[in-house]
Amino acid sequence: MRVVGDNIEQPKVMSLREALRLADEMELDLIEISPKADPPVCRIADYQKFLYQQKKKAKELKANQTKVVVKEIRFGPQTDDHDYNFKLKHAENFLKEGAKVKAYVFFRGRSIVFKEQGEILLLRFATDLEEYAKVEMMPKLDGKKMNMMLAPKSKK
């Protein structure tokens, strides 16, 4: 196996017994890093310190991840212009903040006959937000709701 470490200048290829003896002399642990390599790679280091560094790296990677927020905007099939504009401004702000927007038209009772109006409303909504968002999912009827998903345009 190939042995590396802070106290070893150049990686050495040696048997398991020799590597364990060398680690024992340095009062450190022999840690297998890459078992599938040919020959397998082991490191001579303090195992607790190694675990601490692994946790620290994982935490750092998790902190750098972006969290996707989905905001919902609900319309009726016969939403008035004033209400529409009010919700449009809200959606615009959500998209500027970097959140995704899920717009949907909710049909109650017999209002399902106006599903064309709902689709027209959502398409109008998408075209009005064209400069801030891209359509991730076109309007689709799902039970009593017609959903559409908008994602913010990437800032370049």
C-alpha atoms as a PDB file:
ATOM      1  CA  MET A   1       0.000   0.000   0.000  1.00  0.00           C
ATOM      2  CA  ARG A   2       1.014   3.600  -0.632  1.00  0.00           C
ATOM      3  CA  VAL A   3       1.535   5.550   2.605  1.00  0.00           C
ATOM      4  CA  VAL A   4       1.281   9.340   2.796  1.00  0.00           C
ATOM      5  CA  GLY A   5       1.185  11.764   5.723  1.00  0.00           C
ATOM      6  CA  ASP A   6       2.299  15.095   7.130  1.00  0.00           C
ATOM      7  CA  ASN A   7       5.507  13.624   8.594  1.00  0.00           C
ATOM      8  CA  ILE A   8       6.353  11.641   5.435  1.00  0.00           C
ATOM      9  CA  GLU A   9       8.227  13.620   2.763  1.00  0.00           C
ATOM     10  CA  GLN A  10       7.460  11.355  -0.191  1.00  0.00           C
ATOM     11  CA  PRO A  11       4.700   8.743  -0.571  1.00  0.00           C
ATOM     12  CA  LYS A  12       6.131   5.279   0.072  1.00  0.00           C
ATOM     13  CA  VAL A  13       4.898   1.885  -1.067  1.00  0.00           C
ATOM     14  CA  MET A  14       5.175  -0.665   1.765  1.00  0.00           C
ATOM     15  CA  SER A  15       3.409  -3.644   3.299  1.00  0.00           C
ATOM     16  CA  LEU A  16       0.562  -3.311   5.795  1.00  0.00           C
ATOM     17  CA  ARG A  17       2.751  -4.539   8.644  1.00  0.00           C
ATOM     18  CA  GLU A  18       5.455  -1.932   7.935  1.00  0.00           C
ATOM     19  CA  ALA A  19       2.839   0.848   7.628  1.00  0.00           C
ATOM     20  CA  LEU A  20       1.242  -0.103  10.961  1.00  0.00           C
ATOM     21  CA  ARG A  21       4.671  -0.211  12.632  1.00  0.00           C
ATOM     22  CA  LEU A  22       5.554   3.223  11.196  1.00  0.00           C
ATOM     23  CA  ALA A  23       2.246   4.688  12.423  1.00  0.00           C
ATOM     24  CA  ASP A  24       2.803   3.118  15.846  1.00  0.00           C
ATOM     25  CA  GLU A  25       6.282   4.663  16.077  1.00  0.00           C
ATOM     26  CA  MET A  26       4.823   8.120  15.327  1.00  0.00           C
ATOM     27  CA  GLU A  27       1.977   7.483  17.818  1.00  0.00           C
ATOM     28  CA  LEU A  28      -0.594   8.176  15.080  1.00  0.00           C
ATOM     29  CA  ASP A  29      -3.263   6.154  13.263  1.00  0.00           C
ATOM     30  CA  LEU A  30      -3.195   4.505   9.842  1.00  0.00           C
ATOM     31  CA  ILE A  31      -6.248   5.720   7.907  1.00  0.00           C
ATOM     32  CA  GLU A  32      -7.328   4.128   4.623  1.00  0.00           C
ATOM     33  CA  ILE A  33      -8.069   6.981   2.191  1.00  0.00           C
ATOM     34  CA  SER A  34      -8.560   5.297  -1.177  1.00  0.00           C
ATOM     35  CA  PRO A  35      -9.114   1.530  -0.989  1.00  0.00           C
ATOM     36  CA  LYS A  36      -9.859   1.094  -4.723  1.00  0.00           C
ATOM     37  CA  ALA A  37      -6.574   2.655  -5.889  1.00  0.00           C
ATOM     38  CA  ASP A  38      -3.742   0.426  -7.041  1.00  0.00           C
ATOM     39  CA  PRO A  39      -1.977   0.189  -4.596  1.00  0.00           C
ATOM     40  CA  PRO A  40      -4.465   1.340  -1.896  1.00  0.00           C
ATOM     41  CA  VAL A  41      -3.645   4.719  -0.332  1.00  0.00           C
ATOM     42  CA  CYS A  42      -3.364   5.155   3.442  1.00  0.00           C
ATOM     43  CA  ARG A  43      -2.519   8.213   5.517  1.00  0.00           C
ATOM     44  CA  ILE A  44      -0.687   8.384   8.796  1.00  0.00           C
ATOM     45  CA  ALA A  45      -2.501  10.984  10.889  1.00  0.00           C
ATOM     46  CA  ASP A  46      -4.490  11.538  14.077  1.00  0.00           C
ATOM     47  CA  TYR A  47      -7.903   9.917  13.424  1.00  0.00           C
ATOM     48  CA  GLN A  48      -9.894  12.302  15.651  1.00  0.00           C
ATOM     49  CA  LYS A  49      -8.359  15.313  13.905  1.00  0.00           C
ATOM     50  CA  PHE A  50      -9.126  13.673  10.536  1.00  0.00           C
ATOM     51  CA  LEU A  51     -12.797  13.181  11.504  1.00  0.00           C
ATOM     52  CA  TYR A  52     -13.016  16.786  12.722  1.00  0.00           C
ATOM     53  CA  GLN A  53     -11.679  18.080   9.403  1.00  0.00           C
ATOM     54  CA  GLN A  54     -14.139  15.882   7.443  1.00  0.00           C
ATOM     55  CA  LYS A  55     -17.086  17.262   9.468  1.00  0.00           C
ATOM     56  CA  LYS A  56     -15.813  20.811   9.001  1.00  0.00           C
ATOM     57  CA  LYS A  57     -15.592  20.350   5.202  1.00  0.00           C
ATOM     58  CA  ALA A  58     -19.109  18.846   5.063  1.00  0.00           C
ATOM     59  CA  LYS A  59     -20.520  21.730   7.096  1.00  0.00           C
ATOM     60  CA  GLU A  60     -18.796  24.250   4.824  1.00  0.00           C
ATOM     61  CA  LEU A  61     -20.233  22.603   1.706  1.00  0.00           C
ATOM     62  CA  LYS A  62     -23.708  22.573   3.241  1.00  0.00           C
ATOM     63  CA  ALA A  63     -23.469  26.272   4.092  1.00  0.00           C
ATOM     64  CA  ASN A  64     -22.575  27.122   0.496  1.00  0.00           C
ATOM     65  CA  GLN A  65     -25.640  25.369  -0.928  1.00  0.00           C
ATOM     66  CA  THR A  66     -28.502  27.536  -2.099  1.00  0.00           C
ATOM     67  CA  LYS A  67     -31.882  26.837  -0.609  1.00  0.00           C
ATOM     68  CA  VAL A  68     -34.757  26.963  -3.086  1.00  0.00           C
ATOM     69  CA  VAL A  69     -37.823  28.805  -1.817  1.00  0.00           C
ATOM     70  CA  VAL A  70     -41.161  28.360  -3.596  1.00  0.00           C
ATOM     71  CA  LYS A  71     -43.750  31.112  -3.169  1.00  0.00           C
ATOM     72  CA  GLU A  72     -47.340  30.476  -4.219  1.00  0.00           C
ATOM     73  CA  ILE A  73     -49.727  32.891  -5.892  1.00  0.00           C
ATOM     74  CA  ARG A  74     -53.373  31.910  -6.193  1.00  0.00           C
ATOM     75  CA  PHE A  75     -55.838  33.172  -8.761  1.00  0.00           C
ATOM     76  CA  GLY A  76     -59.498  32.547  -9.419  1.00  0.00           C
ATOM     77  CA  PRO A  77     -60.625  31.921 -12.997  1.00  0.00           C
ATOM     78  CA  GLN A  78     -62.203  35.417 -13.151  1.00  0.00           C
ATOM     79  CA  THR A  79     -59.583  37.451 -11.289  1.00  0.00           C
ATOM     80  CA  ASP A  80     -60.054  41.191 -11.808  1.00  0.00           C
ATOM     81  CA  ASP A  81     -57.312  43.424 -13.298  1.00  0.00           C
ATOM     82  CA  HIS A  82     -56.559  45.220 -10.022  1.00  0.00           C
ATOM     83  CA  ASP A  83     -56.102  41.933  -8.127  1.00  0.00           C
ATOM     84  CA  TYR A  84     -54.055  40.561 -11.009  1.00  0.00           C
ATOM     85  CA  ASN A  85     -51.692  43.566 -10.985  1.00  0.00           C
ATOM     86  CA  PHE A  86     -51.366  43.374  -7.199  1.00  0.00           C
ATOM     87  CA  LYS A  87     -50.339  39.704  -7.381  1.00  0.00           C
ATOM     88  CA  LEU A  88     -48.075  40.422 -10.340  1.00  0.00           C
ATOM     89  CA  LYS A  89     -46.085  42.938  -8.237  1.00  0.00           C
ATOM     90  CA  HIS A  90     -45.756  40.373  -5.444  1.00  0.00           C
ATOM     91  CA  ALA A  91     -44.501  37.750  -7.879  1.00  0.00           C
ATOM     92  CA  GLU A  92     -42.024  40.255  -9.314  1.00  0.00           C
ATOM     93  CA  ASN A  93     -40.603  40.887  -5.822  1.00  0.00           C
ATOM     94  CA  PHE A  94     -40.391  37.154  -5.069  1.00  0.00           C
ATOM     95  CA  LEU A  95     -38.467  36.566  -8.301  1.00  0.00           C
ATOM     96  CA  LYS A  96     -36.091  39.459  -7.571  1.00  0.00           C
ATOM     97  CA  GLU A  97     -35.340  37.856  -4.186  1.00  0.00           C
ATOM     98  CA  GLY A  98     -34.464  34.630  -6.013  1.00  0.00           C
ATOM     99  CA  ALA A  99     -37.488  32.543  -5.036  1.00  0.00           C
ATOM    100  CA  LYS A 100     -39.422  30.362  -7.461  1.00  0.00           C
ATOM    101  CA  VAL A 101     -43.074  31.239  -8.007  1.00  0.00           C
ATOM    102  CA  LYS A 102     -45.833  28.685  -8.306  1.00  0.00           C
ATOM    103  CA  ALA A 103     -48.887  30.378  -9.796  1.00  0.00           C
ATOM    104  CA  TYR A 104     -52.153  28.499  -9.869  1.00  0.00           C
ATOM    105  CA  VAL A 105     -55.780  29.020 -10.685  1.00  0.00           C
ATOM    106  CA  PHE A 106     -58.145  27.311  -8.263  1.00  0.00           C
ATOM    107  CA  PHE A 107     -61.481  26.179  -9.665  1.00  0.00           C
ATOM    108  CA  ARG A 108     -64.433  25.830  -7.267  1.00  0.00           C
ATOM    109  CA  GLY A 109     -67.601  23.945  -8.042  1.00  0.00           C
ATOM    110  CA  ARG A 110     -68.830  24.587 -11.563  1.00  0.00           C
ATOM    111  CA  SER A 111     -66.115  27.162 -12.338  1.00  0.00           C
ATOM    112  CA  ILE A 112     -64.117  24.293 -13.902  1.00  0.00           C
ATOM    113  CA  VAL A 113     -65.950  25.152 -17.154  1.00  0.00           C
ATOM    114  CA  PHE A 114     -63.708  28.256 -17.326  1.00  0.00           C
ATOM    115  CA  LYS A 115     -60.449  26.282 -17.545  1.00  0.00           C
ATOM    116  CA  GLU A 116     -59.552  28.081 -20.816  1.00  0.00           C
ATOM    117  CA  GLN A 117     -59.814  31.405 -18.945  1.00  0.00           C
ATOM    118  CA  GLY A 118     -57.500  30.017 -16.261  1.00  0.00           C
ATOM    119  CA  GLU A 119     -54.928  28.964 -18.824  1.00  0.00           C
ATOM    120  CA  ILE A 120     -55.103  32.359 -20.569  1.00  0.00           C
ATOM    121  CA  LEU A 121     -54.644  34.083 -17.198  1.00  0.00           C
ATOM    122  CA  LEU A 122     -51.535  32.017 -16.362  1.00  0.00           C
ATOM    123  CA  LEU A 123     -50.009  32.546 -19.817  1.00  0.00           C
ATOM    124  CA  ARG A 124     -50.616  36.293 -19.493  1.00  0.00           C
ATOM    125  CA  PHE A 125     -48.950  36.142 -16.074  1.00  0.00           C
ATOM    126  CA  ALA A 126     -45.906  34.393 -17.617  1.00  0.00           C
ATOM    127  CA  THR A 127     -45.578  36.939 -20.423  1.00  0.00           C
ATOM    128  CA  ASP A 128     -45.859  39.859 -17.974  1.00  0.00           C
ATOM    129  CA  LEU A 129     -43.015  38.387 -15.900  1.00  0.00           C
ATOM    130  CA  GLU A 130     -40.900  37.495 -18.945  1.00  0.00           C
ATOM    131  CA  GLU A 131     -38.026  39.829 -18.041  1.00  0.00           C
ATOM    132  CA  TYR A 132     -37.758  38.465 -14.467  1.00  0.00           C
ATOM    133  CA  ALA A 133     -38.537  34.764 -14.894  1.00  0.00           C
ATOM    134  CA  LYS A 134     -38.454  31.809 -17.199  1.00  0.00           C
ATOM    135  CA  VAL A 135     -41.295  29.293 -17.336  1.00  0.00           C
ATOM    136  CA  GLU A 136     -40.219  26.049 -15.716  1.00  0.00           C
ATOM    137  CA  MET A 137     -43.555  24.275 -16.116  1.00  0.00           C
ATOM    138  CA  MET A 138     -46.307  25.312 -18.526  1.00  0.00           C
ATOM    139  CA  PRO A 139     -49.910  25.555 -17.218  1.00  0.00           C
ATOM    140  CA  LYS A 140     -51.218  22.080 -16.471  1.00  0.00           C
ATOM    141  CA  LEU A 141     -54.582  21.061 -15.051  1.00  0.00           C
ATOM    142  CA  ASP A 142     -54.213  18.910 -11.946  1.00  0.00           C
ATOM    143  CA  GLY A 143     -57.587  18.120 -10.396  1.00  0.00           C
ATOM    144  CA  LYS A 144     -59.196  21.436  -9.416  1.00  0.00           C
ATOM    145  CA  LYS A 145     -55.977  23.424  -9.851  1.00  0.00           C
ATOM    146  CA  MET A 146     -54.155  24.633 -12.927  1.00  0.00           C
ATOM    147  CA  ASN A 147     -50.482  24.983 -11.982  1.00  0.00           C
ATOM    148  CA  MET A 148     -47.572  26.835 -13.548  1.00  0.00           C
ATOM    149  CA  MET A 149     -44.022  27.151 -12.207  1.00  0.00           C
ATOM    150  CA  LEU A 150     -41.740  30.153 -12.798  1.00  0.00           C
ATOM    151  CA  ALA A 151     -38.037  30.287 -11.917  1.00  0.00           C
ATOM    152  CA  PRO A 152     -35.993  33.498 -11.646  1.00  0.00           C
ATOM    153  CA  LYS A 153     -33.697  34.267 -14.556  1.00  0.00           C
ATOM    154  CA  SER A 154     -30.056  33.830 -13.686  1.00  0.00           C
ATOM    155  CA  LYS A 155     -28.196  37.076 -12.993  1.00  0.00           C
ATOM    156  CA  LYS A 156     -25.244  37.493 -15.335  1.00  0.00           C
END
